[in-house]
């Protein structure tokens, strides 16, 4: 995959990470895309295979949702959301850049 396509992918996935509605503190929600979502967004079948069927995808999903567990006390919701979105970038870029 081209660098620009990898960047477009992680930016697209990052937009699916949001703050969850909760009264119990900060929570992260991830609208996990399926193969059809990737293809509707214009990603190739190869891109879908390199992500959804990889060993690291499920680990990334877990890390995204668990981000608040690792945030420092007192960090605000927007900062935690930024951390969760950084998780996406780290996983996708690290696994797909060659």
N, C-alpha and C. Protein backbone atom coordinates (compact mmCIF):
# COMPACT_ATOMS: atom_id res chain seq x y z
N UNK A 1 0.83 -1.19 0.00
CA UNK A 1 0.00 0.00 0.00
C UNK A 1 0.87 1.25 0.00
N UNK A 2 0.40 2.26 -0.66
CA UNK A 2 1.08 3.55 -0.70
C UNK A 2 0.96 4.25 0.66
N UNK A 3 1.94 5.09 0.97
CA UNK A 3 1.90 5.85 2.22
C UNK A 3 0.63 6.68 2.35
N UNK A 4 0.21 7.29 1.25
CA UNK A 4 -0.98 8.13 1.29
C UNK A 4 -2.24 7.30 1.58
N UNK A 5 -2.28 6.08 1.08
CA UNK A 5 -3.43 5.21 1.32
C UNK A 5 -3.46 4.74 2.78
N UNK A 6 -2.30 4.47 3.34
CA UNK A 6 -2.22 4.08 4.74
C UNK A 6 -2.67 5.25 5.63
N UNK A 7 -2.23 6.44 5.31
CA UNK A 7 -2.62 7.63 6.07
C UNK A 7 -4.13 7.84 5.96
N UNK A 8 -4.67 7.70 4.75
CA UNK A 8 -6.11 7.87 4.56
C UNK A 8 -6.88 6.82 5.37
N UNK A 9 -6.33 5.61 5.44
CA UNK A 9 -7.01 4.55 6.19
C UNK A 9 -7.04 4.86 7.68
N UNK A 10 -5.90 5.20 8.26
CA UNK A 10 -5.94 5.43 9.72
C UNK A 10 -6.73 6.67 10.06
N UNK A 11 -6.71 7.67 9.20
CA UNK A 11 -7.53 8.85 9.46
C UNK A 11 -9.02 8.51 9.39
N UNK A 12 -9.41 7.66 8.45
CA UNK A 12 -10.80 7.23 8.32
C UNK A 12 -11.22 6.41 9.55
N UNK A 13 -10.35 5.50 9.98
CA UNK A 13 -10.66 4.68 11.16
C UNK A 13 -10.73 5.57 12.40
N UNK A 14 -9.83 6.54 12.52
CA UNK A 14 -9.84 7.44 13.68
C UNK A 14 -11.18 8.15 13.83
N UNK A 15 -11.83 8.48 12.74
CA UNK A 15 -13.12 9.16 12.80
C UNK A 15 -14.22 8.28 13.38
N UNK A 16 -13.97 6.98 13.48
CA UNK A 16 -14.95 6.05 14.03
C UNK A 16 -14.76 5.85 15.53
N UNK A 17 -13.77 6.55 16.09
CA UNK A 17 -13.49 6.51 17.53
C UNK A 17 -14.10 7.76 18.15
N UNK A 18 -14.89 7.59 19.19
CA UNK A 18 -15.55 8.74 19.80
C UNK A 18 -15.70 8.53 21.31
N UNK A 19 -16.10 9.57 21.98
CA UNK A 19 -16.42 9.47 23.40
C UNK A 19 -17.78 8.80 23.53
N UNK A 20 -17.89 7.86 24.45
CA UNK A 20 -19.15 7.17 24.69
C UNK A 20 -19.97 7.94 25.71
N UNK A 21 -21.26 7.85 25.59
CA UNK A 21 -22.15 8.46 26.59
C UNK A 21 -22.13 7.60 27.85
N UNK A 22 -21.69 8.19 28.95
CA UNK A 22 -21.63 7.46 30.21
C UNK A 22 -21.61 8.46 31.36
N UNK A 23 -22.09 8.03 32.47
CA UNK A 23 -22.02 8.87 33.68
C UNK A 23 -20.94 8.33 34.63
N UNK A 24 -20.28 7.26 34.23
CA UNK A 24 -19.28 6.61 35.08
C UNK A 24 -17.86 7.06 34.78
N UNK A 25 -17.69 8.22 34.18
CA UNK A 25 -16.35 8.67 33.83
C UNK A 25 -16.17 8.67 32.33
N UNK A 26 -14.94 8.62 31.88
CA UNK A 26 -14.63 8.69 30.46
C UNK A 26 -14.69 7.29 29.87
N UNK A 27 -15.36 7.16 28.75
CA UNK A 27 -15.43 5.89 28.02
C UNK A 27 -15.28 6.18 26.53
N UNK A 28 -14.69 5.24 25.84
CA UNK A 28 -14.45 5.36 24.41
C UNK A 28 -15.34 4.36 23.67
N UNK A 29 -15.89 4.82 22.57
CA UNK A 29 -16.71 3.98 21.70
C UNK A 29 -15.99 3.85 20.37
N UNK A 30 -16.06 2.66 19.78
CA UNK A 30 -15.45 2.44 18.47
C UNK A 30 -16.48 1.79 17.57
N UNK A 31 -16.85 2.50 16.52
CA UNK A 31 -17.77 1.98 15.51
C UNK A 31 -16.93 1.15 14.56
N UNK A 32 -16.74 -0.11 14.93
CA UNK A 32 -15.83 -0.98 14.20
C UNK A 32 -16.32 -1.24 12.77
N UNK A 33 -15.49 -0.91 11.79
CA UNK A 33 -15.91 -1.11 10.41
C UNK A 33 -15.80 -2.58 9.99
N UNK A 34 -16.68 -2.97 9.12
CA UNK A 34 -16.62 -4.29 8.51
C UNK A 34 -16.08 -4.17 7.10
N UNK A 35 -15.95 -5.30 6.40
CA UNK A 35 -15.41 -5.27 5.04
C UNK A 35 -16.18 -4.33 4.11
N UNK A 36 -17.50 -4.32 4.21
CA UNK A 36 -18.30 -3.46 3.34
C UNK A 36 -18.03 -1.99 3.61
N UNK A 37 -17.81 -1.65 4.88
CA UNK A 37 -17.50 -0.26 5.23
C UNK A 37 -16.20 0.19 4.57
N UNK A 38 -15.19 -0.69 4.61
CA UNK A 38 -13.91 -0.37 3.98
C UNK A 38 -14.09 -0.16 2.48
N UNK A 39 -14.80 -1.07 1.86
CA UNK A 39 -14.98 -0.99 0.41
C UNK A 39 -15.81 0.23 0.03
N UNK A 40 -16.84 0.56 0.81
CA UNK A 40 -17.65 1.76 0.55
C UNK A 40 -16.81 3.03 0.69
N UNK A 41 -15.80 2.98 1.53
CA UNK A 41 -14.91 4.12 1.72
C UNK A 41 -13.82 4.17 0.64
N UNK A 42 -13.83 3.19 -0.27
CA UNK A 42 -12.89 3.21 -1.39
C UNK A 42 -11.60 2.47 -1.17
N UNK A 43 -11.52 1.66 -0.12
CA UNK A 43 -10.31 0.88 0.11
C UNK A 43 -10.37 -0.42 -0.69
N UNK A 44 -9.24 -0.90 -1.10
CA UNK A 44 -9.16 -2.11 -1.92
C UNK A 44 -9.37 -3.36 -1.07
N UNK A 45 -9.65 -4.44 -1.75
CA UNK A 45 -9.79 -5.73 -1.07
C UNK A 45 -8.50 -6.07 -0.31
N UNK A 46 -7.37 -5.73 -0.90
CA UNK A 46 -6.07 -5.96 -0.25
C UNK A 46 -6.00 -5.24 1.09
N UNK A 47 -6.47 -4.00 1.12
CA UNK A 47 -6.46 -3.22 2.36
C UNK A 47 -7.32 -3.87 3.43
N UNK A 48 -8.47 -4.39 3.02
CA UNK A 48 -9.36 -5.08 3.96
C UNK A 48 -8.65 -6.31 4.53
N UNK A 49 -8.02 -7.07 3.67
CA UNK A 49 -7.31 -8.27 4.12
C UNK A 49 -6.16 -7.93 5.06
N UNK A 50 -5.45 -6.86 4.78
CA UNK A 50 -4.31 -6.47 5.62
C UNK A 50 -4.73 -5.94 6.98
N UNK A 51 -5.99 -5.62 7.15
CA UNK A 51 -6.45 -5.09 8.42
C UNK A 51 -7.37 -6.07 9.14
N UNK A 52 -8.57 -6.24 8.65
CA UNK A 52 -9.57 -7.02 9.37
C UNK A 52 -9.17 -8.47 9.61
N UNK A 53 -8.43 -9.08 8.68
CA UNK A 53 -8.08 -10.47 8.90
C UNK A 53 -6.71 -10.65 9.55
N UNK A 54 -6.13 -9.57 9.98
CA UNK A 54 -4.82 -9.66 10.63
C UNK A 54 -4.95 -10.00 12.11
N UNK A 55 -3.86 -10.49 12.66
CA UNK A 55 -3.83 -10.84 14.08
C UNK A 55 -3.92 -9.61 14.98
N UNK A 56 -3.47 -8.48 14.52
CA UNK A 56 -3.40 -7.29 15.35
C UNK A 56 -4.70 -6.51 15.43
N UNK A 57 -5.64 -6.74 14.53
CA UNK A 57 -6.87 -5.93 14.50
C UNK A 57 -7.64 -6.02 15.82
N UNK A 58 -7.92 -7.23 16.30
CA UNK A 58 -8.68 -7.38 17.55
C UNK A 58 -7.96 -6.76 18.74
N UNK A 59 -6.65 -6.88 18.75
CA UNK A 59 -5.85 -6.26 19.82
C UNK A 59 -5.99 -4.74 19.77
N UNK A 60 -5.99 -4.17 18.57
CA UNK A 60 -6.15 -2.72 18.42
C UNK A 60 -7.52 -2.28 18.93
N UNK A 61 -8.56 -3.02 18.57
CA UNK A 61 -9.92 -2.68 18.99
C UNK A 61 -9.99 -2.66 20.52
N UNK A 62 -9.42 -3.67 21.15
CA UNK A 62 -9.41 -3.73 22.61
C UNK A 62 -8.66 -2.54 23.20
N UNK A 63 -7.49 -2.25 22.64
CA UNK A 63 -6.69 -1.13 23.15
C UNK A 63 -7.41 0.21 22.99
N UNK A 64 -8.15 0.38 21.92
CA UNK A 64 -8.90 1.63 21.71
C UNK A 64 -9.90 1.81 22.84
N UNK A 65 -10.71 0.79 23.07
CA UNK A 65 -11.79 0.87 24.05
C UNK A 65 -11.24 0.98 25.48
N UNK A 66 -10.09 0.37 25.73
CA UNK A 66 -9.51 0.39 27.07
C UNK A 66 -8.61 1.60 27.32
N UNK A 67 -8.49 2.49 26.38
CA UNK A 67 -7.63 3.67 26.54
C UNK A 67 -7.88 4.42 27.85
N UNK A 68 -9.13 4.66 28.25
CA UNK A 68 -9.34 5.39 29.51
C UNK A 68 -8.71 4.71 30.73
N UNK A 69 -8.56 3.39 30.69
CA UNK A 69 -7.96 2.67 31.81
C UNK A 69 -6.49 3.04 32.01
N UNK A 70 -5.85 3.54 30.95
CA UNK A 70 -4.43 3.84 31.02
C UNK A 70 -4.13 5.34 31.07
N UNK A 71 -5.15 6.14 31.04
CA UNK A 71 -4.97 7.60 31.10
C UNK A 71 -4.60 8.01 32.53
N UNK A 72 -3.87 9.09 32.62
CA UNK A 72 -3.49 9.63 33.92
C UNK A 72 -4.72 10.22 34.60
N UNK A 73 -4.80 10.12 35.91
CA UNK A 73 -5.93 10.74 36.61
C UNK A 73 -5.99 12.23 36.30
N UNK A 74 -7.19 12.72 36.10
CA UNK A 74 -7.38 14.13 35.85
C UNK A 74 -7.32 14.53 34.38
N UNK A 75 -6.96 13.60 33.50
CA UNK A 75 -6.96 13.96 32.08
C UNK A 75 -8.40 14.04 31.58
N UNK A 76 -8.66 15.05 30.80
CA UNK A 76 -10.01 15.29 30.33
C UNK A 76 -10.44 14.36 29.21
N UNK A 77 -11.72 14.33 28.95
CA UNK A 77 -12.27 13.46 27.91
C UNK A 77 -11.65 13.67 26.53
N UNK A 78 -11.44 14.91 26.13
CA UNK A 78 -10.88 15.18 24.80
C UNK A 78 -9.45 14.66 24.68
N UNK A 79 -8.68 14.75 25.77
CA UNK A 79 -7.31 14.23 25.74
C UNK A 79 -7.32 12.72 25.63
N UNK A 80 -8.21 12.06 26.36
CA UNK A 80 -8.32 10.60 26.30
C UNK A 80 -8.78 10.17 24.91
N UNK A 81 -9.70 10.91 24.32
CA UNK A 81 -10.15 10.62 22.96
C UNK A 81 -8.98 10.73 21.98
N UNK A 82 -8.17 11.74 22.15
CA UNK A 82 -6.99 11.89 21.30
C UNK A 82 -6.05 10.70 21.46
N UNK A 83 -5.84 10.24 22.68
CA UNK A 83 -5.01 9.06 22.91
C UNK A 83 -5.59 7.84 22.19
N UNK A 84 -6.91 7.65 22.27
CA UNK A 84 -7.55 6.50 21.64
C UNK A 84 -7.38 6.57 20.12
N UNK A 85 -7.49 7.74 19.57
CA UNK A 85 -7.28 7.89 18.13
C UNK A 85 -5.83 7.67 17.75
N UNK A 86 -4.90 8.03 18.65
CA UNK A 86 -3.48 7.76 18.41
C UNK A 86 -3.21 6.25 18.37
N UNK A 87 -3.97 5.49 19.14
CA UNK A 87 -3.81 4.03 19.12
C UNK A 87 -4.04 3.51 17.70
N UNK A 88 -5.05 4.04 17.04
CA UNK A 88 -5.35 3.63 15.66
C UNK A 88 -4.15 3.92 14.76
N UNK A 89 -3.65 5.13 14.84
CA UNK A 89 -2.52 5.52 13.99
C UNK A 89 -1.32 4.62 14.24
N UNK A 90 -1.02 4.37 15.51
CA UNK A 90 0.14 3.54 15.83
C UNK A 90 0.00 2.13 15.28
N UNK A 91 -1.16 1.53 15.47
CA UNK A 91 -1.35 0.17 14.97
C UNK A 91 -1.31 0.11 13.45
N UNK A 92 -2.10 0.94 12.80
CA UNK A 92 -2.20 0.86 11.34
C UNK A 92 -0.88 1.22 10.69
N UNK A 93 -0.29 2.33 11.10
CA UNK A 93 0.97 2.74 10.49
C UNK A 93 2.08 1.72 10.75
N UNK A 94 2.17 1.24 11.94
CA UNK A 94 3.23 0.29 12.30
C UNK A 94 3.09 -1.01 11.52
N UNK A 95 1.87 -1.48 11.31
CA UNK A 95 1.65 -2.76 10.65
C UNK A 95 1.66 -2.68 9.13
N UNK A 96 1.31 -1.53 8.57
CA UNK A 96 1.15 -1.46 7.12
C UNK A 96 2.28 -0.75 6.39
N UNK A 97 3.05 0.09 7.07
CA UNK A 97 4.20 0.71 6.41
C UNK A 97 5.24 -0.36 6.17
N UNK A 98 5.76 -0.38 4.97
CA UNK A 98 6.77 -1.40 4.63
C UNK A 98 8.07 -0.75 4.21
